Amino acid sequence: MRLSGHDGVVPQLKVIVFDAMGVLYRFGDVQGRVLIPYLRAHGCRWTEPEIRAAYRSATLGRITTDQFWAAAGLPEEGRDADYCQRHQLTEGALEALAELAGDGLELACLSNDTVVWSALVRRRFGLEGYIRQWFISSDLQARKPDVAAYGVALSALGASPEEAVFVDDRPVNLAPARSLGMRTILFRSDDTDAHPEPSAERDPHHSVRTMPELVAAIRERPIRPCPDPS
């Protein structure tokens, strides 16, 4: 993992990029814990592989959420908002975001999701007051761990990899960030053990289980306040 700049000095921290499912929101296995139970409760007859394939298409921007619901046999109006009520905020998330924003850090999110569902959930929990930039796979047409998604986020944020921390609950998603030079923190969720890194790419990194632990881990690095947008 690259930790130093060209002059050998460790750059100060500028940006925190969060995963959504399993970090900001409680369930990392959003398909198994949220989407599939919702579809089953409303009579969807798709097999689990069919659900997962359609979800992947939606989160890559290949189909809209309206097309997803119609294909699943749930075409009723308001389905997006109803489904998004099933998500739960991770305990302590708002407090952690407030603390980190108060430290002068720029906060962003890189998530495998649809732009419609992402917007509904984050607005429901009031996260846009802390996280200004949201990089969503259906808009990027790239899902983690595709390294292209990380590059787009860093470029838009105007940050070098060494100035950024990436937080995710899936070790497999941390490997590309670390290969670029980002510092990584594993936030353990219900889905962590199901998505290990390939053995050849494993590397020690911070591991936390709670939002207070996450804030403490981030504060171990020097912080460079982000510029005042005014």
Foldseek 3Di string as FASTA:
>chain_A
DDQADPVRHGDFAAEEEEECAVTFWAHNPCCVPQVVVVLVVVPFPDDSVVLVVLQQCQLLQNDDVCVSCVVRVRNDPPPLLVSLVRIGGAPCNVVLLVVVVVVQHAYEYEYSHHPSNVVNNCVVVVNCVRHVYYQTNSVVSDHPPPLVSVVVVCVVVVHQQSNYEYEDQEQQSVQSSVVSPHAYEHAHHPCHVVHHHDPVRDDDHHYHHGSVVVSVVSVVGHHDRDDDPD
